[in-house]
C-alpha atoms as a PDB file:
ATOM      1  CA  MET A   1       0.000   0.000   0.000  1.00  0.00           C
ATOM      2  CA  ALA A   2       1.313   3.446  -0.867  1.00  0.00           C
ATOM      3  CA  ARG A   3       2.404   5.620   2.032  1.00  0.00           C
ATOM      4  CA  SER A   4       0.569   8.882   2.638  1.00  0.00           C
ATOM      5  CA  VAL A   5       2.498  12.111   2.098  1.00  0.00           C
ATOM      6  CA  THR A   6       1.304  13.090   5.585  1.00  0.00           C
ATOM      7  CA  ASP A   7       3.109  10.135   7.134  1.00  0.00           C
ATOM      8  CA  PRO A   8       5.241  11.582   9.986  1.00  0.00           C
ATOM      9  CA  GLN A   9       8.209   9.544   8.795  1.00  0.00           C
ATOM     10  CA  LEU A  10       8.072  11.437   5.513  1.00  0.00           C
ATOM     11  CA  THR A  11       7.179  14.930   6.709  1.00  0.00           C
ATOM     12  CA  THR A  12       9.708  15.049   9.555  1.00  0.00           C
ATOM     13  CA  ALA A  13      12.514  13.014   8.041  1.00  0.00           C
ATOM     14  CA  PRO A  14      15.900  14.767   7.997  1.00  0.00           C
ATOM     15  CA  SER A  15      17.170  15.933   4.640  1.00  0.00           C
ATOM     16  CA  PRO A  16      20.478  17.268   3.332  1.00  0.00           C
ATOM     17  CA  GLY A  17      21.048  20.988   3.105  1.00  0.00           C
ATOM     18  CA  TYR A  18      21.032  20.957  -0.685  1.00  0.00           C
ATOM     19  CA  ALA A  19      17.471  19.588  -0.777  1.00  0.00           C
ATOM     20  CA  GLY A  20      14.232  21.518  -0.585  1.00  0.00           C
ATOM     21  CA  ILE A  21      13.215  25.092  -1.306  1.00  0.00           C
ATOM     22  CA  LYS A  22      16.041  27.518  -0.585  1.00  0.00           C
ATOM     23  CA  THR A  23      15.474  30.158   2.064  1.00  0.00           C
ATOM     24  CA  PHE A  24      18.128  32.005   4.029  1.00  0.00           C
ATOM     25  CA  MET A  25      19.671  29.557   6.502  1.00  0.00           C
ATOM     26  CA  GLY A  26      16.652  27.288   6.019  1.00  0.00           C
ATOM     27  CA  ALA A  27      14.416  29.814   7.803  1.00  0.00           C
ATOM     28  CA  ASP A  28      10.645  29.820   7.628  1.00  0.00           C
ATOM     29  CA  THR A  29       9.127  32.448   5.374  1.00  0.00           C
ATOM     30  CA  CYS A  30       6.857  35.330   6.260  1.00  0.00           C
ATOM     31  CA  GLU A  31       5.847  38.747   4.982  1.00  0.00           C
ATOM     32  CA  PRO A  32       7.696  41.796   6.347  1.00  0.00           C
ATOM     33  CA  ASP A  33       4.645  43.055   8.211  1.00  0.00           C
ATOM     34  CA  ALA A  34       4.177  39.627   9.815  1.00  0.00           C
ATOM     35  CA  VAL A  35       7.546  39.657  11.599  1.00  0.00           C
ATOM     36  CA  THR A  36       7.141  39.682  15.380  1.00  0.00           C
ATOM     37  CA  PRO A  37       9.491  40.826  18.156  1.00  0.00           C
ATOM     38  CA  GLU A  38      10.200  37.188  18.997  1.00  0.00           C
ATOM     39  CA  VAL A  39      12.086  36.871  15.707  1.00  0.00           C
ATOM     40  CA  ASP A  40      15.832  37.450  16.171  1.00  0.00           C
ATOM     41  CA  ALA A  41      16.599  38.441  12.573  1.00  0.00           C
ATOM     42  CA  ALA A  42      14.807  38.494   9.230  1.00  0.00           C
ATOM     43  CA  ALA A  43      16.527  38.292   5.863  1.00  0.00           C
ATOM     44  CA  PHE A  44      15.212  39.527   2.552  1.00  0.00           C
ATOM     45  CA  GLY A  45      16.617  39.774  -0.942  1.00  0.00           C
ATOM     46  CA  VAL A  46      16.796  42.639  -3.398  1.00  0.00           C
ATOM     47  CA  PRO A  47      17.507  41.145  -6.856  1.00  0.00           C
ATOM     48  CA  PHE A  48      18.550  44.409  -8.458  1.00  0.00           C
ATOM     49  CA  ASP A  49      21.614  45.585 -10.352  1.00  0.00           C
ATOM     50  CA  GLY A  50      20.231  48.697 -11.996  1.00  0.00           C
ATOM     51  CA  GLY A  51      22.871  50.816 -10.265  1.00  0.00           C
ATOM     52  CA  VAL A  52      25.981  49.035 -11.490  1.00  0.00           C
ATOM     53  CA  THR A  53      28.625  50.783 -13.570  1.00  0.00           C
ATOM     54  CA  ASN A  54      30.550  47.718 -14.716  1.00  0.00           C
ATOM     55  CA  GLN A  55      29.440  44.091 -14.974  1.00  0.00           C
ATOM     56  CA  PRO A  56      25.826  43.188 -14.079  1.00  0.00           C
ATOM     57  CA  GLY A  57      24.831  40.024 -12.261  1.00  0.00           C
ATOM     58  CA  THR A  58      24.153  41.047  -8.670  1.00  0.00           C
ATOM     59  CA  ARG A  59      20.449  40.590  -9.362  1.00  0.00           C
ATOM     60  CA  TYR A  60      21.227  36.911  -8.823  1.00  0.00           C
ATOM     61  CA  GLY A  61      22.987  37.569  -5.516  1.00  0.00           C
ATOM     62  CA  PRO A  62      20.034  36.808  -3.226  1.00  0.00           C
ATOM     63  CA  GLN A  63      19.363  33.403  -4.725  1.00  0.00           C
ATOM     64  CA  GLY A  64      23.087  32.598  -4.708  1.00  0.00           C
ATOM     65  CA  LEU A  65      23.447  33.519  -1.045  1.00  0.00           C
ATOM     66  CA  ARG A  66      20.338  31.575  -0.091  1.00  0.00           C
ATOM     67  CA  ALA A  67      21.545  28.474  -1.910  1.00  0.00           C
ATOM     68  CA  ALA A  68      24.994  28.719  -0.325  1.00  0.00           C
ATOM     69  CA  SER A  69      23.518  29.281   3.129  1.00  0.00           C
ATOM     70  CA  SER A  70      21.629  25.984   2.846  1.00  0.00           C
ATOM     71  CA  LEU A  71      24.946  24.201   3.380  1.00  0.00           C
ATOM     72  CA  LEU A  72      25.288  26.040   6.688  1.00  0.00           C
ATOM     73  CA  SER A  73      21.717  25.888   7.896  1.00  0.00           C
ATOM     74  CA  ARG A  74      19.963  23.420  10.117  1.00  0.00           C
ATOM     75  CA  THR A  75      21.795  20.564   8.427  1.00  0.00           C
ATOM     76  CA  PHE A  76      20.432  17.047   8.769  1.00  0.00           C
ATOM     77  CA  ASP A  77      18.506  17.084  12.016  1.00  0.00           C
ATOM     78  CA  SER A  78      16.608  19.903  13.677  1.00  0.00           C
ATOM     79  CA  GLU A  79      18.035  18.851  17.041  1.00  0.00           C
ATOM     80  CA  GLU A  80      21.619  18.510  15.838  1.00  0.00           C
ATOM     81  CA  ARG A  81      24.407  20.801  16.948  1.00  0.00           C
ATOM     82  CA  ARG A  82      27.699  21.218  15.153  1.00  0.00           C
ATOM     83  CA  TYR A  83      30.978  22.476  16.496  1.00  0.00           C
ATOM     84  CA  ASN A  84      32.503  25.399  14.596  1.00  0.00           C
ATOM     85  CA  ILE A  85      36.239  24.841  14.830  1.00  0.00           C
ATOM     86  CA  ALA A  86      37.093  28.334  13.620  1.00  0.00           C
ATOM     87  CA  THR A  87      35.099  30.115  16.326  1.00  0.00           C
ATOM     88  CA  ASP A  88      35.061  27.550  19.123  1.00  0.00           C
ATOM     89  CA  ARG A  89      31.277  27.838  19.206  1.00  0.00           C
ATOM     90  CA  SER A  90      28.381  25.520  18.559  1.00  0.00           C
ATOM     91  CA  ALA A  91      26.329  26.323  15.493  1.00  0.00           C
ATOM     92  CA  ALA A  92      22.754  25.422  16.384  1.00  0.00           C
ATOM     93  CA  TYR A  93      20.625  27.717  14.300  1.00  0.00           C
ATOM     94  CA  ASP A  94      17.374  26.217  15.513  1.00  0.00           C
ATOM     95  CA  ALA A  95      18.071  28.094  18.746  1.00  0.00           C
ATOM     96  CA  LEU A  96      17.466  31.272  16.722  1.00  0.00           C
ATOM     97  CA  GLU A  97      14.186  32.561  15.400  1.00  0.00           C
ATOM     98  CA  LEU A  98      15.094  33.464  11.820  1.00  0.00           C
ATOM     99  CA  ARG A  99      12.740  34.408   9.012  1.00  0.00           C
ATOM    100  CA  ASP A 100      13.109  34.893   5.284  1.00  0.00           C
ATOM    101  CA  CYS A 101      10.819  37.659   4.045  1.00  0.00           C
ATOM    102  CA  GLY A 102      11.337  36.867   0.388  1.00  0.00           C
ATOM    103  CA  ASP A 103      12.447  39.533  -2.070  1.00  0.00           C
ATOM    104  CA  ALA A 104      11.547  43.185  -2.005  1.00  0.00           C
ATOM    105  CA  PRO A 105       9.756  44.227  -5.200  1.00  0.00           C
ATOM    106  CA  VAL A 106      12.109  45.809  -7.705  1.00  0.00           C
ATOM    107  CA  VAL A 107      11.650  47.706 -10.939  1.00  0.00           C
ATOM    108  CA  PRO A 108      14.658  46.697 -13.077  1.00  0.00           C
ATOM    109  CA  ASN A 109      14.850  49.969 -14.996  1.00  0.00           C
ATOM    110  CA  ASP A 110      13.681  52.329 -12.256  1.00  0.00           C
ATOM    111  CA  ILE A 111      16.139  52.954  -9.451  1.00  0.00           C
ATOM    112  CA  GLU A 112      13.835  55.435  -7.696  1.00  0.00           C
ATOM    113  CA  ALA A 113      10.892  53.034  -7.527  1.00  0.00           C
ATOM    114  CA  THR A 114      13.211  50.314  -6.259  1.00  0.00           C
ATOM    115  CA  TYR A 115      14.527  52.749  -3.644  1.00  0.00           C
ATOM    116  CA  ASP A 116      11.009  53.276  -2.299  1.00  0.00           C
ATOM    117  CA  ALA A 117      10.324  49.547  -2.089  1.00  0.00           C
ATOM    118  CA  VAL A 118      13.578  48.760  -0.264  1.00  0.00           C
ATOM    119  CA  GLU A 119      13.134  51.619   2.197  1.00  0.00           C
ATOM    120  CA  ALA A 120       9.630  50.419   3.053  1.00  0.00           C
ATOM    121  CA  TYR A 121      10.675  46.754   3.280  1.00  0.00           C
ATOM    122  CA  VAL A 122      13.536  47.472   5.662  1.00  0.00           C
ATOM    123  CA  GLY A 123      11.437  49.835   7.732  1.00  0.00           C
ATOM    124  CA  ALA A 124       8.715  47.238   8.245  1.00  0.00           C
ATOM    125  CA  ILE A 125      11.198  44.575   9.348  1.00  0.00           C
ATOM    126  CA  ALA A 126      13.265  46.932  11.509  1.00  0.00           C
ATOM    127  CA  GLU A 127      10.207  47.876  13.547  1.00  0.00           C
ATOM    128  CA  GLN A 128      10.356  44.359  14.975  1.00  0.00           C
ATOM    129  CA  THR A 129      13.818  42.860  14.504  1.00  0.00           C
ATOM    130  CA  MET A 130      17.192  42.993  12.760  1.00  0.00           C
ATOM    131  CA  PRO A 131      16.921  43.199   8.958  1.00  0.00           C
ATOM    132  CA  ILE A 132      19.498  41.348   6.866  1.00  0.00           C
ATOM    133  CA  LEU A 133      19.609  42.499   3.244  1.00  0.00           C
ATOM    134  CA  LEU A 134      20.873  40.082   0.618  1.00  0.00           C
ATOM    135  CA  GLY A 135      21.997  42.217  -2.346  1.00  0.00           C
ATOM    136  CA  GLY A 136      21.890  43.292  -5.050  1.00  0.00           C
ATOM    137  CA  ASP A 137      24.177  46.167  -5.977  1.00  0.00           C
ATOM    138  CA  HIS A 138      25.607  48.502  -3.359  1.00  0.00           C
ATOM    139  CA  TYR A 139      23.339  51.440  -4.180  1.00  0.00           C
ATOM    140  CA  LEU A 140      20.661  49.562  -2.236  1.00  0.00           C
ATOM    141  CA  THR A 141      22.490  50.266   1.007  1.00  0.00           C
ATOM    142  CA  TYR A 142      21.236  53.839   0.743  1.00  0.00           C
ATOM    143  CA  PRO A 143      17.475  53.100   0.924  1.00  0.00           C
ATOM    144  CA  SER A 144      18.139  50.295   3.383  1.00  0.00           C
ATOM    145  CA  PHE A 145      20.079  52.604   5.711  1.00  0.00           C
ATOM    146  CA  VAL A 146      17.340  55.239   5.521  1.00  0.00           C
ATOM    147  CA  GLY A 147      14.586  52.693   6.177  1.00  0.00           C
ATOM    148  CA  TYR A 148      16.422  51.361   9.217  1.00  0.00           C
ATOM    149  CA  SER A 149      17.233  54.845  10.511  1.00  0.00           C
ATOM    150  CA  GLN A 150      13.620  55.965  10.218  1.00  0.00           C
ATOM    151  CA  SER A 151      12.551  52.955  12.278  1.00  0.00           C
ATOM    152  CA  VAL A 152      14.903  53.836  15.155  1.00  0.00           C
ATOM    153  CA  GLY A 153      14.350  57.569  14.713  1.00  0.00           C
ATOM    154  CA  GLU A 154      17.913  58.547  15.537  1.00  0.00           C
ATOM    155  CA  ASP A 155      21.316  59.112  13.957  1.00  0.00           C
ATOM    156  CA  VAL A 156      22.942  55.855  12.889  1.00  0.00           C
ATOM    157  CA  GLY A 157      26.623  54.995  12.587  1.00  0.00           C
ATOM    158  CA  LEU A 158      27.906  53.088   9.579  1.00  0.00           C
ATOM    159  CA  ILE A 159      30.624  50.444   9.227  1.00  0.00           C
ATOM    160  CA  GLN A 160      31.570  49.646   5.634  1.00  0.00           C
ATOM    161  CA  ILE A 161      33.764  46.785   4.418  1.00  0.00           C
ATOM    162  CA  ASP A 162      34.531  47.567   0.798  1.00  0.00           C
ATOM    163  CA  ALA A 163      37.132  48.012  -1.928  1.00  0.00           C
ATOM    164  CA  HIS A 164      35.621  51.335  -2.983  1.00  0.00           C
ATOM    165  CA  THR A 165      34.611  54.420  -1.040  1.00  0.00           C
ATOM    166  CA  ASP A 166      31.258  54.780  -2.876  1.00  0.00           C
ATOM    167  CA  THR A 167      31.340  58.473  -2.030  1.00  0.00           C
ATOM    168  CA  TRP A 168      30.969  59.891  -5.546  1.00  0.00           C
ATOM    169  CA  GLY A 169      28.861  63.019  -5.339  1.00  0.00           C
ATOM    170  CA  SER A 170      27.741  63.271  -8.943  1.00  0.00           C
ATOM    171  CA  ASN A 171      29.047  61.663 -12.090  1.00  0.00           C
ATOM    172  CA  GLU A 172      28.537  63.044 -15.584  1.00  0.00           C
ATOM    173  CA  LEU A 173      27.894  59.571 -16.962  1.00  0.00           C
ATOM    174  CA  TYR A 174      25.892  57.952 -14.145  1.00  0.00           C
ATOM    175  CA  GLY A 175      24.399  60.899 -12.254  1.00  0.00           C
ATOM    176  CA  GLU A 176      23.952  60.848  -8.479  1.00  0.00           C
ATOM    177  CA  HIS A 177      22.276  57.468  -8.023  1.00  0.00           C
ATOM    178  CA  HIS A 178      24.416  54.410  -8.753  1.00  0.00           C
ATOM    179  CA  HIS A 179      26.459  51.893  -6.802  1.00  0.00           C
ATOM    180  CA  GLY A 180      29.384  54.296  -6.511  1.00  0.00           C
ATOM    181  CA  SER A 181      27.339  56.940  -4.674  1.00  0.00           C
ATOM    182  CA  PRO A 182      25.385  55.458  -1.723  1.00  0.00           C
ATOM    183  CA  MET A 183      27.723  56.727   0.983  1.00  0.00           C
ATOM    184  CA  ALA A 184      27.475  60.276  -0.343  1.00  0.00           C
ATOM    185  CA  ARG A 185      23.695  59.992  -0.374  1.00  0.00           C
ATOM    186  CA  ILE A 186      23.699  58.593   3.178  1.00  0.00           C
ATOM    187  CA  ASP A 187      25.844  61.496   4.352  1.00  0.00           C
ATOM    188  CA  GLU A 188      23.249  63.863   2.908  1.00  0.00           C
ATOM    189  CA  SER A 189      20.406  62.057   4.659  1.00  0.00           C
ATOM    190  CA  GLU A 190      18.831  63.124   7.911  1.00  0.00           C
ATOM    191  CA  TYR A 191      20.374  60.256   9.873  1.00  0.00           C
ATOM    192  CA  GLY A 192      23.847  59.591   8.439  1.00  0.00           C
ATOM    193  CA  GLY A 193      27.169  61.363   8.477  1.00  0.00           C
ATOM    194  CA  TYR A 194      30.841  60.729   7.816  1.00  0.00           C
ATOM    195  CA  GLU A 195      31.565  61.636  11.439  1.00  0.00           C
ATOM    196  CA  ASN A 196      30.220  58.196  12.428  1.00  0.00           C
ATOM    197  CA  HIS A 197      31.267  56.371   9.265  1.00  0.00           C
ATOM    198  CA  ALA A 198      34.124  53.850   9.252  1.00  0.00           C
ATOM    199  CA  MET A 199      35.580  52.117   6.173  1.00  0.00           C
ATOM    200  CA  ILE A 200      37.742  48.981   6.057  1.00  0.00           C
ATOM    201  CA  GLY A 201      39.618  47.538   3.072  1.00  0.00           C
ATOM    202  CA  ILE A 202      39.489  50.565   0.765  1.00  0.00           C
ATOM    203  CA  ARG A 203      41.684  50.628  -2.345  1.00  0.00           C
ATOM    204  CA  GLY A 204      41.270  51.436  -6.015  1.00  0.00           C
ATOM    205  CA  HIS A 205      40.134  54.909  -7.063  1.00  0.00           C
ATOM    206  CA  ALA A 206      37.845  57.641  -5.777  1.00  0.00           C
ATOM    207  CA  ASP A 207      36.966  61.112  -6.966  1.00  0.00           C
ATOM    208  CA  MET A 208      39.129  63.990  -5.787  1.00  0.00           C
ATOM    209  CA  GLU A 209      36.400  65.154  -3.407  1.00  0.00           C
ATOM    210  CA  PHE A 210      37.212  62.155  -1.240  1.00  0.00           C
ATOM    211  CA  LEU A 211      40.362  63.943  -0.090  1.00  0.00           C
ATOM    212  CA  ASP A 212      38.225  66.810   1.180  1.00  0.00           C
ATOM    213  CA  ILE A 213      36.031  64.365   3.087  1.00  0.00           C
ATOM    214  CA  LEU A 214      39.113  62.917   4.753  1.00  0.00           C
ATOM    215  CA  ASP A 215      40.432  66.353   5.687  1.00  0.00           C
ATOM    216  CA  ASP A 216      37.214  67.963   6.857  1.00  0.00           C
ATOM    217  CA  ARG A 217      34.663  65.376   7.970  1.00  0.00           C
ATOM    218  CA  GLY A 218      36.342  62.966  10.370  1.00  0.00           C
ATOM    219  CA  LEU A 219      35.808  59.860   8.273  1.00  0.00           C
ATOM    220  CA  TYR A 220      37.614  56.736   9.563  1.00  0.00           C
ATOM    221  CA  VAL A 221      39.425  54.775   6.853  1.00  0.00           C
ATOM    222  CA  ASP A 222      41.700  51.757   7.058  1.00  0.00           C
ATOM    223  CA  TYR A 223      42.994  51.114   3.561  1.00  0.00           C
ATOM    224  CA  ALA A 224      43.640  47.544   2.491  1.00  0.00           C
ATOM    225  CA  HIS A 225      47.397  47.944   2.861  1.00  0.00           C
ATOM    226  CA  GLU A 226      46.905  49.290   6.392  1.00  0.00           C
ATOM    227  CA  VAL A 227      44.773  46.294   7.302  1.00  0.00           C
ATOM    228  CA  ALA A 228      47.555  44.042   5.991  1.00  0.00           C
ATOM    229  CA  ASP A 229      50.098  45.893   8.141  1.00  0.00           C
ATOM    230  CA  LYS A 230      48.248  46.121  11.450  1.00  0.00           C
ATOM    231  CA  GLY A 231      45.805  43.243  11.182  1.00  0.00           C
ATOM    232  CA  ILE A 232      42.056  42.983  10.795  1.00  0.00           C
ATOM    233  CA  THR A 233      41.406  42.868  14.534  1.00  0.00           C
ATOM    234  CA  GLU A 234      42.834  46.317  15.182  1.00  0.00           C
ATOM    235  CA  SER A 235      41.075  47.727  12.110  1.00  0.00           C
ATOM    236  CA  VAL A 236      37.674  46.440  13.205  1.00  0.00           C
ATOM    237  CA  GLN A 237      38.144  47.649  16.750  1.00  0.00           C
ATOM    238  CA  GLY A 238      38.989  51.123  15.467  1.00  0.00           C
ATOM    239  CA  ALA A 239      35.993  51.114  13.150  1.00  0.00           C
ATOM    240  CA  ILE A 240      33.612  50.105  15.925  1.00  0.00           C
ATOM    241  CA  GLU A 241      34.948  52.798  18.247  1.00  0.00           C
ATOM    242  CA  HIS A 242      34.495  55.465  15.566  1.00  0.00           C
ATOM    243  CA  ALA A 243      31.070  54.378  14.307  1.00  0.00           C
ATOM    244  CA  THR A 244      29.554  54.026  17.781  1.00  0.00           C
ATOM    245  CA  ASP A 245      30.816  57.344  19.141  1.00  0.00           C
ATOM    246  CA  GLY A 246      27.745  59.212  20.371  1.00  0.00           C
ATOM    247  CA  VAL A 247      25.137  56.960  18.729  1.00  0.00           C
ATOM    248  CA  ASP A 248      23.138  53.954  19.884  1.00  0.00           C
ATOM    249  CA  HIS A 249      22.609  52.284  16.506  1.00  0.00           C
ATOM    250  CA  VAL A 250      24.976  51.139  13.764  1.00  0.00           C
ATOM    251  CA  TYR A 251      24.367  49.795  10.271  1.00  0.00           C
ATOM    252  CA  LEU A 252      26.863  47.255   8.881  1.00  0.00           C
ATOM    253  CA  THR A 253      27.366  47.010   5.126  1.00  0.00           C
ATOM    254  CA  ILE A 254      29.630  44.421   3.524  1.00  0.00           C
ATOM    255  CA  ASP A 255      30.525  44.727  -0.139  1.00  0.00           C
ATOM    256  CA  ILE A 256      32.000  41.385  -1.149  1.00  0.00           C
ATOM    257  CA  ASP A 257      34.537  43.170  -3.359  1.00  0.00           C
ATOM    258  CA  GLY A 258      36.245  44.286  -0.162  1.00  0.00           C
ATOM    259  CA  VAL A 259      37.719  40.797  -0.361  1.00  0.00           C
ATOM    260  CA  ASP A 260      40.480  40.160  -2.895  1.00  0.00           C
ATOM    261  CA  PRO A 261      39.101  38.646  -6.125  1.00  0.00           C
ATOM    262  CA  SER A 262      41.349  35.625  -5.668  1.00  0.00           C
ATOM    263  CA  PHE A 263      38.987  34.702  -2.815  1.00  0.00           C
ATOM    264  CA  ALA A 264      35.770  36.262  -4.166  1.00  0.00           C
ATOM    265  CA  PRO A 265      35.835  36.518  -7.972  1.00  0.00           C
ATOM    266  CA  GLY A 266      32.056  36.690  -8.387  1.00  0.00           C
ATOM    267  CA  THR A 267      31.547  40.435  -8.231  1.00  0.00           C
ATOM    268  CA  GLY A 268      31.088  43.129 -10.862  1.00  0.00           C
ATOM    269  CA  THR A 269      33.889  45.506  -9.865  1.00  0.00           C
ATOM    270  CA  PRO A 270      36.749  43.328  -8.575  1.00  0.00           C
ATOM    271  CA  GLN A 271      39.782  45.128  -7.225  1.00  0.00           C
ATOM    272  CA  PRO A 272      43.092  43.297  -6.551  1.00  0.00           C
ATOM    273  CA  GLY A 273      44.960  43.775  -3.302  1.00  0.00           C
ATOM    274  CA  GLY A 274      42.062  43.215  -0.940  1.00  0.00           C
ATOM    275  CA  LEU A 275      41.209  41.436   2.270  1.00  0.00           C
ATOM    276  CA  THR A 276      41.552  37.683   2.557  1.00  0.00           C
ATOM    277  CA  SER A 277      38.581  35.454   3.215  1.00  0.00           C
ATOM    278  CA  SER A 278      40.006  34.861   6.696  1.00  0.00           C
ATOM    279  CA  ASP A 279      40.098  38.637   7.233  1.00  0.00           C
ATOM    280  CA  LEU A 280      36.417  38.940   6.396  1.00  0.00           C
ATOM    281  CA  LEU A 281      35.370  36.054   8.617  1.00  0.00           C
ATOM    282  CA  ARG A 282      37.426  37.346  11.528  1.00  0.00           C
ATOM    283  CA  ALA A 283      35.929  40.800  10.979  1.00  0.00           C
ATOM    284  CA  VAL A 284      32.340  39.563  11.239  1.00  0.00           C
ATOM    285  CA  ASP A 285      33.212  37.551  14.353  1.00  0.00           C
ATOM    286  CA  LEU A 286      34.335  40.797  15.985  1.00  0.00           C
ATOM    287  CA  LEU A 287      31.499  42.875  14.564  1.00  0.00           C
ATOM    288  CA  GLY A 288      29.002  40.400  15.983  1.00  0.00           C
ATOM    289  CA  GLU A 289      30.152  41.501  19.434  1.00  0.00           C
ATOM    290  CA  CYS A 290      29.074  45.088  18.692  1.00  0.00           C
ATOM    291  CA  ARG A 291      25.634  45.339  20.264  1.00  0.00           C
ATOM    292  CA  GLU A 292      24.890  48.648  18.554  1.00  0.00           C
ATOM    293  CA  ILE A 293      24.654  46.950  15.149  1.00  0.00           C
ATOM    294  CA  GLY A 294      20.983  46.624  14.321  1.00  0.00           C
ATOM    295  CA  ALA A 295      20.951  46.045  10.560  1.00  0.00           C
ATOM    296  CA  VAL A 296      23.264  44.236   8.136  1.00  0.00           C
ATOM    297  CA  ASP A 297      23.618  43.881   4.412  1.00  0.00           C
ATOM    298  CA  LEU A 298      25.874  41.818   2.142  1.00  0.00           C
ATOM    299  CA  MET A 299      26.171  43.268  -1.336  1.00  0.00           C
ATOM    300  CA  GLU A 300      27.575  42.852  -4.840  1.00  0.00           C
ATOM    301  CA  VAL A 301      27.657  39.052  -5.039  1.00  0.00           C
ATOM    302  CA  ALA A 302      27.291  38.131  -8.726  1.00  0.00           C
ATOM    303  CA  PRO A 303      27.050  34.324  -8.944  1.00  0.00           C
ATOM    304  CA  THR A 304      27.092  34.279 -12.745  1.00  0.00           C
ATOM    305  CA  LEU A 305      30.660  35.611 -12.651  1.00  0.00           C
ATOM    306  CA  ASP A 306      31.858  32.762 -10.425  1.00  0.00           C
ATOM    307  CA  PRO A 307      30.968  29.262 -11.652  1.00  0.00           C
ATOM    308  CA  THR A 308      32.613  27.755  -8.570  1.00  0.00           C
ATOM    309  CA  ASN A 309      30.129  29.545  -6.234  1.00  0.00           C
ATOM    310  CA  THR A 310      33.058  30.405  -3.969  1.00  0.00           C
ATOM    311  CA  THR A 311      31.886  34.005  -3.655  1.00  0.00           C
ATOM    312  CA  SER A 312      28.353  33.076  -2.635  1.00  0.00           C
ATOM    313  CA  LEU A 313      29.710  30.580  -0.132  1.00  0.00           C
ATOM    314  CA  LEU A 314      32.018  33.165   1.414  1.00  0.00           C
ATOM    315  CA  GLY A 315      29.171  35.667   1.672  1.00  0.00           C
ATOM    316  CA  ALA A 316      26.876  33.118   3.285  1.00  0.00           C
ATOM    317  CA  ASN A 317      29.641  32.112   5.694  1.00  0.00           C
ATOM    318  CA  ALA A 318      30.194  35.749   6.651  1.00  0.00           C
ATOM    319  CA  LEU A 319      26.527  36.220   7.537  1.00  0.00           C
ATOM    320  CA  SER A 320      26.472  32.902   9.366  1.00  0.00           C
ATOM    321  CA  ARG A 321      29.518  33.823  11.427  1.00  0.00           C
ATOM    322  CA  PHE A 322      28.059  37.234  12.251  1.00  0.00           C
ATOM    323  CA  LEU A 323      24.860  35.592  13.511  1.00  0.00           C
ATOM    324  CA  GLN A 324      26.807  33.071  15.566  1.00  0.00           C
ATOM    325  CA  SER A 325      28.734  35.871  17.212  1.00  0.00           C
ATOM    326  CA  TYR A 326      25.843  38.288  17.685  1.00  0.00           C
ATOM    327  CA  PHE A 327      23.488  35.699  19.161  1.00  0.00           C
ATOM    328  CA  TYR A 328      26.193  33.594  20.839  1.00  0.00           C
ATOM    329  CA  GLU A 329      24.393  33.297  24.154  1.00  0.00           C
ATOM    330  CA  GLN A 330      21.422  31.802  22.352  1.00  0.00           C
ATOM    331  CA  VAL A 331      23.309  29.271  20.223  1.00  0.00           C
ATOM    332  CA  ALA A 332      26.118  28.316  22.623  1.00  0.00           C
END
């Protein structure tokens, strides 16, 4: 006799991480306005690359990060714990209340309409819990930061791991709204400012106005070569001290191109000479101890540019390690 699909042995049987519908860390799904305060963190995707200036492909970032996170999720048994050798912690994600709120609606050829949707999505989630944005190009940090800041109603510090400053004021070719400008737009917002903005891993090129920002605005920058000299631990500690000075809330943005393309080739604007994958993972371990961080994004993963999926896996690992550190008392 055929077995019923409602047979408990079928519906509760353990399955490998690569099976099933892919949500972030295997979390249950819900709408943004259905998130409750009991939820520890809620992820959502923004499949948009309408702000890129080089290679497209970050529209596929959310699905790539979700698929990669399935290897790190609740694994084979909902009661199983695993020991994370790198952090000396247990990784039991069922001790956390995570949700996946799906993807924010985007308009591929309309950056302003997409801005409005992301701002509203983040704001709805942030009213109840920590939003985790799966990007998408880095312009999206701007509406996400504003949505989070409006929910807390106060000035918000910003920690940025990145190869590029993203402080371009206006560009003759791309205008004011593209993935090279979000930090300038955040500085102009009601809640942001370079005085509480810290950058780690910067290299490559910026416009000449960046020198004025450094001289006049108190921006904290550890260039990639400085991180290599003094170590990621000291850089992160300095960034946290700067970003938290005088504020109660901090937004963390991670552009995967902050990592050297030898470790993370799947991104649209790779820049040699960057952080190592170990640097990034150590950084998020330390950042997870910063209680002021209330929102996180991971941006610029372009899976189509990396057939090995190494970049997606590194991004998923970074978010996983941050969650382990931030909610350590719950998963220990």
